[in-house]
PDB file of N, CA and C in Angstrom:
ATOM      1  N   MET A   1     111.816 113.433  87.488  1.00  0.00           N
ATOM      2  CA  MET A   1     112.818 112.336  87.661  1.00  0.00           C
ATOM      3  C   MET A   1     114.217 112.886  87.300  1.00  0.00           C
ATOM      4  N   THR A   2     115.108 112.512  88.021  1.00  0.00           N
ATOM      5  CA  THR A   2     116.478 113.000  87.908  1.00  0.00           C
ATOM      6  C   THR A   2     117.284 112.222  86.780  1.00  0.00           C
ATOM      7  N   ALA A   3     118.189 112.813  86.373  1.00  0.00           N
ATOM      8  CA  ALA A   3     119.091 112.127  85.305  1.00  0.00           C
ATOM      9  C   ALA A   3     119.750 110.849  86.007  1.00  0.00           C
ATOM     10  N   PRO A   4     120.199 110.936  87.212  1.00  0.00           N
ATOM     11  CA  PRO A   4     120.765 109.638  87.781  1.00  0.00           C
ATOM     12  C   PRO A   4     119.689 108.616  87.948  1.00  0.00           C
ATOM     13  N   THR A   5     118.582 108.918  88.291  1.00  0.00           N
ATOM     14  CA  THR A   5     117.382 107.903  88.466  1.00  0.00           C
ATOM     15  C   THR A   5     117.064 107.383  87.164  1.00  0.00           C
ATOM     16  N   ARG A   6     117.022 108.174  86.148  1.00  0.00           N
ATOM     17  CA  ARG A   6     116.660 107.633  84.716  1.00  0.00           C
ATOM     18  C   ARG A   6     117.875 106.752  84.385  1.00  0.00           C
ATOM     19  N   ALA A   7     119.049 107.037  84.680  1.00  0.00           N
ATOM     20  CA  ALA A   7     120.306 106.121  84.338  1.00  0.00           C
ATOM     21  C   ALA A   7     119.983 104.758  85.091  1.00  0.00           C
ATOM     22  N   ALA A   8     119.740 104.853  86.417  1.00  0.00           N
ATOM     23  CA  ALA A   8     119.478 103.666  87.107  1.00  0.00           C
ATOM     24  C   ALA A   8     118.268 102.755  86.612  1.00  0.00           C
ATOM     25  N   ASP A   9     117.158 103.484  86.151  1.00  0.00           N
ATOM     26  CA  ASP A   9     116.066 102.793  85.638  1.00  0.00           C
ATOM     27  C   ASP A   9     116.482 102.176  84.322  1.00  0.00           C
ATOM     28  N   ALA A  10     117.429 102.646  83.570  1.00  0.00           N
ATOM     29  CA  ALA A  10     117.893 102.071  82.314  1.00  0.00           C
ATOM     30  C   ALA A  10     118.969 101.111  82.605  1.00  0.00           C
ATOM     31  N   ALA A  11     119.234 100.684  83.801  1.00  0.00           N
ATOM     32  CA  ALA A  11     120.257  99.734  84.323  1.00  0.00           C
ATOM     33  C   ALA A  11     121.767 100.096  83.869  1.00  0.00           C
ATOM     34  N   ASP A  12     121.873 101.452  83.839  1.00  0.00           N
ATOM     35  CA  ASP A  12     123.251 101.920  83.723  1.00  0.00           C
ATOM     36  C   ASP A  12     124.207 101.451  84.814  1.00  0.00           C
ATOM     37  N   PRO A  13     125.199 100.782  84.577  1.00  0.00           N
ATOM     38  CA  PRO A  13     126.210 100.250  85.504  1.00  0.00           C
ATOM     39  C   PRO A  13     126.682 101.196  86.634  1.00  0.00           C
ATOM     40  N   ASP A  14     127.060 102.372  86.101  1.00  0.00           N
ATOM     41  CA  ASP A  14     127.488 103.406  86.989  1.00  0.00           C
ATOM     42  C   ASP A  14     126.394 103.943  87.960  1.00  0.00           C
ATOM     43  N   ALA A  15     125.316 104.081  87.367  1.00  0.00           N
ATOM     44  CA  ALA A  15     124.223 104.542  88.299  1.00  0.00           C
ATOM     45  C   ALA A  15     123.791 103.501  89.292  1.00  0.00           C
ATOM     46  N   LEU A  16     123.736 102.291  88.844  1.00  0.00           N
ATOM     47  CA  LEU A  16     123.423 101.201  89.843  1.00  0.00           C
ATOM     48  C   LEU A  16     124.464 100.997  90.930  1.00  0.00           C
ATOM     49  N   ALA A  17     125.814 101.307  90.494  1.00  0.00           N
ATOM     50  CA  ALA A  17     126.805 101.092  91.412  1.00  0.00           C
ATOM     51  C   ALA A  17     126.689 102.334  92.413  1.00  0.00           C
ATOM     52  N   ALA A  18     126.266 103.509  91.954  1.00  0.00           N
ATOM     53  CA  ALA A  18     126.043 104.531  93.012  1.00  0.00           C
ATOM     54  C   ALA A  18     124.908 104.236  93.962  1.00  0.00           C
ATOM     55  N   VAL A  19     123.951 103.674  93.507  1.00  0.00           N
ATOM     56  CA  VAL A  19     122.803 103.363  94.361  1.00  0.00           C
ATOM     57  C   VAL A  19     123.235 102.174  95.391  1.00  0.00           C
ATOM     58  N   THR A  20     124.031 101.282  94.906  1.00  0.00           N
ATOM     59  CA  THR A  20     124.510 100.220  95.689  1.00  0.00           C
ATOM     60  C   THR A  20     125.365 100.783  96.824  1.00  0.00           C
ATOM     61  N   ALA A  21     126.384 101.599  96.467  1.00  0.00           N
ATOM     62  CA  ALA A  21     127.209 102.400  97.394  1.00  0.00           C
ATOM     63  C   ALA A  21     126.391 103.067  98.461  1.00  0.00           C
ATOM     64  N   CYS A  22     125.254 103.692  98.024  1.00  0.00           N
ATOM     65  CA  CYS A  22     124.476 104.487  98.963  1.00  0.00           C
ATOM     66  C   CYS A  22     123.713 103.459  99.960  1.00  0.00           C
ATOM     67  N   ALA A  23     123.342 102.292  99.449  1.00  0.00           N
ATOM     68  CA  ALA A  23     122.766 101.335 100.387  1.00  0.00           C
ATOM     69  C   ALA A  23     123.735 100.766 101.383  1.00  0.00           C
ATOM     70  N   ASP A  24     124.871 100.534 100.843  1.00  0.00           N
ATOM     71  CA  ASP A  24     125.941 100.106 101.746  1.00  0.00           C
ATOM     72  C   ASP A  24     126.132 101.083 102.890  1.00  0.00           C
ATOM     73  N   ARG A  25     126.131 102.450 102.575  1.00  0.00           N
ATOM     74  CA  ARG A  25     126.517 103.365 103.577  1.00  0.00           C
ATOM     75  C   ARG A  25     125.298 103.585 104.514  1.00  0.00           C
ATOM     76  N   LEU A  26     124.063 103.477 104.036  1.00  0.00           N
ATOM     77  CA  LEU A  26     122.867 103.644 104.829  1.00  0.00           C
ATOM     78  C   LEU A  26     122.520 102.337 105.777  1.00  0.00           C
ATOM     79  N   ALA A  27     122.820 101.245 105.358  1.00  0.00           N
ATOM     80  CA  ALA A  27     122.394  99.988 106.017  1.00  0.00           C
ATOM     81  C   ALA A  27     122.688 100.006 107.493  1.00  0.00           C
ATOM     82  N   PRO A  28     123.970 100.395 107.988  1.00  0.00           N
ATOM     83  CA  PRO A  28     124.171 100.294 109.398  1.00  0.00           C
ATOM     84  C   PRO A  28     123.384 101.119 110.307  1.00  0.00           C
ATOM     85  N   GLY A  29     123.091 102.415 109.754  1.00  0.00           N
ATOM     86  CA  GLY A  29     122.213 103.188 110.476  1.00  0.00           C
ATOM     87  C   GLY A  29     120.748 102.873 110.563  1.00  0.00           C
ATOM     88  N   VAL A  30     120.312 102.388 109.347  1.00  0.00           N
ATOM     89  CA  VAL A  30     119.029 101.900 109.298  1.00  0.00           C
ATOM     90  C   VAL A  30     118.787 100.676 110.153  1.00  0.00           C
ATOM     91  N   ALA A  31     119.716  99.784 110.246  1.00  0.00           N
ATOM     92  CA  ALA A  31     119.633  98.626 111.053  1.00  0.00           C
ATOM     93  C   ALA A  31     119.540  98.962 112.592  1.00  0.00           C
ATOM     94  N   ALA A  32     120.241 100.050 112.931  1.00  0.00           N
ATOM     95  CA  ALA A  32     120.393 100.477 114.413  1.00  0.00           C
ATOM     96  C   ALA A  32     119.137 101.242 114.742  1.00  0.00           C
ATOM     97  N   ARG A  33     118.491 101.873 113.759  1.00  0.00           N
ATOM     98  CA  ARG A  33     117.388 102.880 114.141  1.00  0.00           C
ATOM     99  C   ARG A  33     116.357 102.262 115.040  1.00  0.00           C
ATOM    100  N   PRO A  34     115.811 101.068 114.635  1.00  0.00           N
ATOM    101  CA  PRO A  34     114.720 100.613 115.669  1.00  0.00           C
ATOM    102  C   PRO A  34     115.072 100.496 117.107  1.00  0.00           C
ATOM    103  N   LEU A  35     116.317 100.088 117.350  1.00  0.00           N
ATOM    104  CA  LEU A  35     116.836 100.003 118.687  1.00  0.00           C
ATOM    105  C   LEU A  35     116.881 101.326 119.476  1.00  0.00           C
ATOM    106  N   ALA A  36     117.106 102.351 118.655  1.00  0.00           N
ATOM    107  CA  ALA A  36     117.225 103.572 119.240  1.00  0.00           C
ATOM    108  C   ALA A  36     115.961 104.343 119.342  1.00  0.00           C
ATOM    109  N   VAL A  37     115.144 104.171 118.353  1.00  0.00           N
ATOM    110  CA  VAL A  37     113.894 105.090 118.328  1.00  0.00           C
ATOM    111  C   VAL A  37     112.677 104.284 118.530  1.00  0.00           C
ATOM    112  N   GLY A  38     112.547 102.966 117.950  1.00  0.00           N
ATOM    113  CA  GLY A  38     111.420 102.224 118.115  1.00  0.00           C
ATOM    114  C   GLY A  38     111.152 101.486 116.803  1.00  0.00           C
ATOM    115  N   PRO A  39     110.138 100.570 116.840  1.00  0.00           N
ATOM    116  CA  PRO A  39     109.926  99.736 115.689  1.00  0.00           C
ATOM    117  C   PRO A  39     109.145 100.346 114.448  1.00  0.00           C
ATOM    118  N   GLU A  40     108.884 101.586 114.539  1.00  0.00           N
ATOM    119  CA  GLU A  40     108.112 102.198 113.452  1.00  0.00           C
ATOM    120  C   GLU A  40     108.798 102.078 112.151  1.00  0.00           C
ATOM    121  N   PRO A  41     108.178 102.097 111.089  1.00  0.00           N
ATOM    122  CA  PRO A  41     108.973 101.994 109.701  1.00  0.00           C
ATOM    123  C   PRO A  41     110.002 103.171 109.536  1.00  0.00           C
ATOM    124  N   THR A  42     111.009 102.887 108.731  1.00  0.00           N
ATOM    125  CA  THR A  42     111.929 103.909 108.470  1.00  0.00           C
ATOM    126  C   THR A  42     111.450 104.299 107.026  1.00  0.00           C
ATOM    127  N   VAL A  43     111.255 105.639 106.831  1.00  0.00           N
ATOM    128  CA  VAL A  43     110.651 106.170 105.673  1.00  0.00           C
ATOM    129  C   VAL A  43     111.785 106.883 104.997  1.00  0.00           C
ATOM    130  N   LEU A  44     112.112 106.500 103.811  1.00  0.00           N
ATOM    131  CA  LEU A  44     113.130 107.104 103.034  1.00  0.00           C
ATOM    132  C   LEU A  44     112.460 108.262 102.135  1.00  0.00           C
ATOM    133  N   THR A  45     113.082 109.426 102.329  1.00  0.00           N
ATOM    134  CA  THR A  45     112.438 110.636 101.734  1.00  0.00           C
ATOM    135  C   THR A  45     113.552 111.534 101.239  1.00  0.00           C
ATOM    136  N   GLY A  46     113.152 112.681 100.896  1.00  0.00           N
ATOM    137  CA  GLY A  46     114.161 113.708 100.470  1.00  0.00           C
ATOM    138  C   GLY A  46     114.938 113.316  99.211  1.00  0.00           C
ATOM    139  N   GLY A  47     116.188 113.559  99.288  1.00  0.00           N
ATOM    140  CA  GLY A  47     117.051 113.050  98.121  1.00  0.00           C
ATOM    141  C   GLY A  47     117.141 111.620  97.780  1.00  0.00           C
ATOM    142  N   ALA A  48     116.694 110.707  98.846  1.00  0.00           N
ATOM    143  CA  ALA A  48     116.717 109.351  98.512  1.00  0.00           C
ATOM    144  C   ALA A  48     115.469 108.879  97.775  1.00  0.00           C
ATOM    145  N   THR A  49     114.444 109.713  97.723  1.00  0.00           N
ATOM    146  CA  THR A  49     113.179 109.287  97.066  1.00  0.00           C
ATOM    147  C   THR A  49     113.236 108.917  95.544  1.00  0.00           C
ATOM    148  N   PRO A  50     113.987 109.769  94.724  1.00  0.00           N
ATOM    149  CA  PRO A  50     114.000 109.346  93.274  1.00  0.00           C
ATOM    150  C   PRO A  50     114.511 108.004  93.093  1.00  0.00           C
ATOM    151  N   ALA A  51     115.557 107.546  93.821  1.00  0.00           N
ATOM    152  CA  ALA A  51     116.278 106.275  93.562  1.00  0.00           C
ATOM    153  C   ALA A  51     115.654 105.151  94.526  1.00  0.00           C
ATOM    154  N   GLY A  52     114.590 105.498  95.206  1.00  0.00           N
ATOM    155  CA  GLY A  52     114.004 104.639  96.166  1.00  0.00           C
ATOM    156  C   GLY A  52     113.596 103.251  95.588  1.00  0.00           C
ATOM    157  N   ARG A  53     113.095 103.138  94.570  1.00  0.00           N
ATOM    158  CA  ARG A  53     112.679 101.844  94.019  1.00  0.00           C
ATOM    159  C   ARG A  53     113.866 100.877  93.768  1.00  0.00           C
ATOM    160  N   HIS A  54     115.028 101.552  93.547  1.00  0.00           N
ATOM    161  CA  HIS A  54     116.316 100.646  93.513  1.00  0.00           C
ATOM    162  C   HIS A  54     116.899 100.551  94.977  1.00  0.00           C
ATOM    163  N   LEU A  55     116.774 101.609  95.719  1.00  0.00           N
ATOM    164  CA  LEU A  55     117.451 101.628  96.937  1.00  0.00           C
ATOM    165  C   LEU A  55     116.814 100.695  98.021  1.00  0.00           C
ATOM    166  N   VAL A  56     115.532 100.661  98.108  1.00  0.00           N
ATOM    167  CA  VAL A  56     114.768  99.826  99.067  1.00  0.00           C
ATOM    168  C   VAL A  56     115.078  98.372  99.040  1.00  0.00           C
ATOM    169  N   PRO A  57     115.001  97.699  97.832  1.00  0.00           N
ATOM    170  CA  PRO A  57     115.368  96.385  97.802  1.00  0.00           C
ATOM    171  C   PRO A  57     116.933  96.075  98.253  1.00  0.00           C
ATOM    172  N   LEU A  58     117.832  96.968  97.821  1.00  0.00           N
ATOM    173  CA  LEU A  58     119.290  96.745  98.294  1.00  0.00           C
ATOM    174  C   LEU A  58     119.378  96.983  99.726  1.00  0.00           C
ATOM    175  N   LEU A  59     118.672  97.880 100.317  1.00  0.00           N
ATOM    176  CA  LEU A  59     118.769  98.081 101.788  1.00  0.00           C
ATOM    177  C   LEU A  59     118.146  96.781 102.494  1.00  0.00           C
ATOM    178  N   GLU A  60     117.002  96.234 101.968  1.00  0.00           N
ATOM    179  CA  GLU A  60     116.515  95.149 102.679  1.00  0.00           C
ATOM    180  C   GLU A  60     117.338  93.955 102.545  1.00  0.00           C
ATOM    181  N   GLU A  61     117.977  93.781 101.502  1.00  0.00           N
ATOM    182  CA  GLU A  61     119.015  92.717 101.388  1.00  0.00           C
ATOM    183  C   GLU A  61     120.152  92.812 102.449  1.00  0.00           C
ATOM    184  N   ARG A  62     120.580  94.069 102.557  1.00  0.00           N
ATOM    185  CA  ARG A  62     121.733  94.367 103.486  1.00  0.00           C
ATOM    186  C   ARG A  62     121.351  94.184 104.943  1.00  0.00           C
ATOM    187  N   LEU A  63     120.048  94.456 105.270  1.00  0.00           N
ATOM    188  CA  LEU A  63     119.728  94.370 106.629  1.00  0.00           C
ATOM    189  C   LEU A  63     119.334  93.058 107.184  1.00  0.00           C
ATOM    190  N   ARG A  64     119.019  92.110 106.267  1.00  0.00           N
ATOM    191  CA  ARG A  64     118.780  90.814 106.698  1.00  0.00           C
ATOM    192  C   ARG A  64     119.835  90.219 107.596  1.00  0.00           C
ATOM    193  N   PRO A  65     121.041  90.143 107.156  1.00  0.00           N
ATOM    194  CA  PRO A  65     121.999  89.579 108.085  1.00  0.00           C
ATOM    195  C   PRO A  65     122.577  90.401 109.235  1.00  0.00           C
ATOM    196  N   VAL A  66     122.221  91.596 109.221  1.00  0.00           N
ATOM    197  CA  VAL A  66     122.755  92.477 110.442  1.00  0.00           C
ATOM    198  C   VAL A  66     121.754  92.906 111.285  1.00  0.00           C
ATOM    199  N   THR A  67     120.429  92.587 111.119  1.00  0.00           N
ATOM    200  CA  THR A  67     119.384  93.050 112.003  1.00  0.00           C
ATOM    201  C   THR A  67     119.313  92.249 113.305  1.00  0.00           C
ATOM    202  N   PRO A  68     119.365  92.855 114.456  1.00  0.00           N
ATOM    203  CA  PRO A  68     119.346  92.190 115.680  1.00  0.00           C
ATOM    204  C   PRO A  68     118.096  91.699 115.853  1.00  0.00           C
ATOM    205  N   HIS A  69     117.850  90.552 116.446  1.00  0.00           N
ATOM    206  CA  HIS A  69     116.657  89.987 116.847  1.00  0.00           C
ATOM    207  C   HIS A  69     116.436  89.967 118.297  1.00  0.00           C
ATOM    208  N   ALA A  70     115.859  91.082 118.757  1.00  0.00           N
ATOM    209  CA  ALA A  70     115.570  91.286 120.191  1.00  0.00           C
ATOM    210  C   ALA A  70     114.090  91.249 120.417  1.00  0.00           C
ATOM    211  N   PRO A  71     113.575  91.082 121.569  1.00  0.00           N
ATOM    212  CA  PRO A  71     112.133  90.954 121.857  1.00  0.00           C
ATOM    213  C   PRO A  71     111.459  92.111 121.144  1.00  0.00           C
ATOM    214  N   ASN A  72     111.874  93.377 121.343  1.00  0.00           N
ATOM    215  CA  ASN A  72     111.164  94.446 120.821  1.00  0.00           C
ATOM    216  C   ASN A  72     111.491  94.783 119.275  1.00  0.00           C
ATOM    217  N   VAL A  73     112.365  94.180 118.658  1.00  0.00           N
ATOM    218  CA  VAL A  73     112.538  94.286 117.326  1.00  0.00           C
ATOM    219  C   VAL A  73     112.701  92.812 116.626  1.00  0.00           C
ATOM    220  N   PRO A  74     111.557  92.256 116.467  1.00  0.00           N
ATOM    221  CA  PRO A  74     111.563  90.885 116.058  1.00  0.00           C
ATOM    222  C   PRO A  74     111.816  90.667 114.567  1.00  0.00           C
ATOM    223  N   ASN A  75     111.764  91.646 113.808  1.00  0.00           N
ATOM    224  CA  ASN A  75     112.102  91.521 112.399  1.00  0.00           C
ATOM    225  C   ASN A  75     113.007  92.656 111.922  1.00  0.00           C
ATOM    226  N   ALA A  76     113.433  92.608 110.649  1.00  0.00           N
ATOM    227  CA  ALA A  76     114.245  93.557 109.957  1.00  0.00           C
ATOM    228  C   ALA A  76     113.478  94.814 110.067  1.00  0.00           C
ATOM    229  N   PRO A  77     114.095  96.077 110.167  1.00  0.00           N
ATOM    230  CA  PRO A  77     113.421  97.329 110.047  1.00  0.00           C
ATOM    231  C   PRO A  77     112.584  97.334 108.742  1.00  0.00           C
ATOM    232  N   ARG A  78     111.371  97.807 109.013  1.00  0.00           N
ATOM    233  CA  ARG A  78     110.449  98.015 107.881  1.00  0.00           C
ATOM    234  C   ARG A  78     110.800  99.342 107.188  1.00  0.00           C
ATOM    235  N   LEU A  79     110.800  99.129 105.851  1.00  0.00           N
ATOM    236  CA  LEU A  79     111.193 100.402 105.007  1.00  0.00           C
ATOM    237  C   LEU A  79     109.857 100.895 104.234  1.00  0.00           C
ATOM    238  N   ALA A  80     109.878 102.148 104.071  1.00  0.00           N
ATOM    239  CA  ALA A  80     108.808 102.624 103.312  1.00  0.00           C
ATOM    240  C   ALA A  80     109.361 103.801 102.513  1.00  0.00           C
ATOM    241  N   LEU A  81     108.779 104.012 101.407  1.00  0.00           N
ATOM    242  CA  LEU A  81     109.304 105.123 100.414  1.00  0.00           C
ATOM    243  C   LEU A  81     108.339 106.151 100.398  1.00  0.00           C
ATOM    244  N   SER A  82     108.693 107.461 100.755  1.00  0.00           N
ATOM    245  CA  SER A  82     107.764 108.562 100.878  1.00  0.00           C
ATOM    246  C   SER A  82     107.255 108.895  99.416  1.00  0.00           C
ATOM    247  N   ARG A  83     106.003 109.316  99.386  1.00  0.00           N
ATOM    248  CA  ARG A  83     105.489 109.688  98.055  1.00  0.00           C
ATOM    249  C   ARG A  83     105.589 111.272  98.084  1.00  0.00           C
ATOM    250  N   LEU A  84     106.102 111.883  99.096  1.00  0.00           N
ATOM    251  CA  LEU A  84     106.272 113.319  99.210  1.00  0.00           C
ATOM    252  C   LEU A  84     107.544 113.893  98.647  1.00  0.00           C
ATOM    253  N   GLY A  85     108.485 112.978  98.142  1.00  0.00           N
ATOM    254  CA  GLY A  85     109.664 113.551  97.642  1.00  0.00           C
ATOM    255  C   GLY A  85     110.522 114.342  98.544  1.00  0.00           C
ATOM    256  N   GLU A  86     111.157 115.350  98.150  1.00  0.00           N
ATOM    257  CA  GLU A  86     112.066 116.155  98.881  1.00  0.00           C
ATOM    258  C   GLU A  86     111.256 116.884  99.941  1.00  0.00           C
ATOM    259  N   ARG A  87     109.949 117.136  99.799  1.00  0.00           N
ATOM    260  CA  ARG A  87     109.283 117.855 100.816  1.00  0.00           C
ATOM    261  C   ARG A  87     108.958 116.906 102.072  1.00  0.00           C
ATOM    262  N   GLY A  88     109.229 115.614 101.894  1.00  0.00           N
ATOM    263  CA  GLY A  88     108.780 114.702 102.873  1.00  0.00           C
ATOM    264  C   GLY A  88     109.419 114.968 104.343  1.00  0.00           C
ATOM    265  N   VAL A  89     110.552 115.368 104.352  1.00  0.00           N
ATOM    266  CA  VAL A  89     111.269 115.683 105.695  1.00  0.00           C
ATOM    267  C   VAL A  89     110.591 116.874 106.431  1.00  0.00           C
ATOM    268  N   ALA A  90     110.312 117.959 105.638  1.00  0.00           N
ATOM    269  CA  ALA A  90     109.608 119.143 106.165  1.00  0.00           C
ATOM    270  C   ALA A  90     108.191 118.786 106.656  1.00  0.00           C
ATOM    271  N   LEU A  91     107.403 118.229 105.652  1.00  0.00           N
ATOM    272  CA  LEU A  91     106.013 117.858 105.992  1.00  0.00           C
ATOM    273  C   LEU A  91     105.983 116.844 107.221  1.00  0.00           C
ATOM    274  N   GLY A  92     106.852 115.952 107.240  1.00  0.00           N
ATOM    275  CA  GLY A  92     106.752 114.956 108.355  1.00  0.00           C
ATOM    276  C   GLY A  92     107.034 115.627 109.651  1.00  0.00           C
ATOM    277  N   THR A  93     108.054 116.569 109.640  1.00  0.00           N
ATOM    278  CA  THR A  93     108.306 117.262 110.974  1.00  0.00           C
ATOM    279  C   THR A  93     107.185 118.149 111.401  1.00  0.00           C
ATOM    280  N   VAL A  94     106.595 118.777 110.468  1.00  0.00           N
ATOM    281  CA  VAL A  94     105.364 119.705 110.847  1.00  0.00           C
ATOM    282  C   VAL A  94     104.334 118.695 111.375  1.00  0.00           C
ATOM    283  N   ARG A  95     104.037 117.569 110.648  1.00  0.00           N
ATOM    284  CA  ARG A  95     102.911 116.646 111.031  1.00  0.00           C
ATOM    285  C   ARG A  95     103.223 116.121 112.541  1.00  0.00           C
ATOM    286  N   LYS A  96     104.462 115.843 112.777  1.00  0.00           N
ATOM    287  CA  LYS A  96     104.890 115.249 114.085  1.00  0.00           C
ATOM    288  C   LYS A  96     104.590 116.232 115.178  1.00  0.00           C
ATOM    289  N   ALA A  97     104.997 117.542 114.736  1.00  0.00           N
ATOM    290  CA  ALA A  97     104.837 118.734 115.851  1.00  0.00           C
ATOM    291  C   ALA A  97     103.287 118.916 116.071  1.00  0.00           C
ATOM    292  N   LEU A  98     102.571 118.918 114.929  1.00  0.00           N
ATOM    293  CA  LEU A  98     101.099 119.105 115.133  1.00  0.00           C
ATOM    294  C   LEU A  98     100.494 117.993 115.979  1.00  0.00           C
ATOM    295  N   ASP A  99     100.873 116.790 115.766  1.00  0.00           N
ATOM    296  CA  ASP A  99     100.392 115.618 116.514  1.00  0.00           C
ATOM    297  C   ASP A  99     100.756 115.829 118.010  1.00  0.00           C
ATOM    298  N   GLN A 100     102.017 116.205 118.365  1.00  0.00           N
ATOM    299  CA  GLN A 100     102.504 116.440 119.702  1.00  0.00           C
ATOM    300  C   GLN A 100     101.607 117.540 120.279  1.00  0.00           C
ATOM    301  N   VAL A 101     101.387 118.589 119.752  1.00  0.00           N
ATOM    302  CA  VAL A 101     100.604 119.844 120.147  1.00  0.00           C
ATOM    303  C   VAL A 101      99.216 119.346 120.438  1.00  0.00           C
ATOM    304  N   GLY A 102      98.646 118.633 119.547  1.00  0.00           N
ATOM    305  CA  GLY A 102      97.332 118.060 119.705  1.00  0.00           C
ATOM    306  C   GLY A 102      97.185 117.246 120.918  1.00  0.00           C
ATOM    307  N   GLU A 103      98.106 116.451 121.191  1.00  0.00           N
ATOM    308  CA  GLU A 103      98.132 115.506 122.307  1.00  0.00           C
ATOM    309  C   GLU A 103      98.227 116.310 123.691  1.00  0.00           C
ATOM    310  N   GLU A 104      99.087 117.372 123.580  1.00  0.00           N
ATOM    311  CA  GLU A 104      99.281 118.166 124.926  1.00  0.00           C
ATOM    312  C   GLU A 104      98.063 118.980 125.011  1.00  0.00           C
ATOM    313  N   LEU A 105      97.460 119.611 124.056  1.00  0.00           N
ATOM    314  CA  LEU A 105      96.375 120.388 124.236  1.00  0.00           C
ATOM    315  C   LEU A 105      95.045 119.596 124.773  1.00  0.00           C
ATOM    316  N   LEU A 106      94.988 118.407 124.107  1.00  0.00           N
ATOM    317  CA  LEU A 106      93.812 117.556 124.508  1.00  0.00           C
ATOM    318  C   LEU A 106      93.992 116.655 125.587  1.00  0.00           C
ATOM    319  N   ALA A 107      95.144 116.678 126.325  1.00  0.00           N
ATOM    320  CA  ALA A 107      95.405 115.829 127.282  1.00  0.00           C
ATOM    321  C   ALA A 107      94.526 116.088 128.448  1.00  0.00           C
ATOM    322  N   ASP A 108      93.995 114.987 129.207  1.00  0.00           N
ATOM    323  CA  ASP A 108      93.241 115.132 130.339  1.00  0.00           C
ATOM    324  C   ASP A 108      93.964 115.541 131.600  1.00  0.00           C
ATOM    325  N   THR A 109      93.869 116.741 131.957  1.00  0.00           N
ATOM    326  CA  THR A 109      94.680 117.324 133.121  1.00  0.00           C
ATOM    327  C   THR A 109      94.004 117.112 134.431  1.00  0.00           C
ATOM    328  N   ALA A 110      92.768 116.691 134.404  1.00  0.00           N
ATOM    329  CA  ALA A 110      92.017 116.603 135.623  1.00  0.00           C
ATOM    330  C   ALA A 110      92.561 115.590 136.544  1.00  0.00           C
ATOM    331  N   PRO A 111      92.573 115.920 137.878  1.00  0.00           N
ATOM    332  CA  PRO A 111      93.049 114.770 138.886  1.00  0.00           C
ATOM    333  C   PRO A 111      92.227 113.614 138.957  1.00  0.00           C
TER     334      PRO A 111
END
């Protein structure tokens, strides 16, 4: 656990202000993501993971009023916190690549 995370856990006002500022900066991109990519959950990982238990509720609060309600995006973006920490981005990329290769190799190419 990092020192800033411990400070946020201890309700340090400066640390909580930093997490709040981070949520403010991330919210517009997280709100737009389902429209660009799809309705899958947005997984917070990497450097955001240690502060995630503080960051996720703040992001959810900011997303409620700005989330578009379209047929393909009926609810606010779903957020998840990775348990993989800073390795999550690399491992997720490898998993996605393996899934795609598997689909292509196992695709039925018969007419």
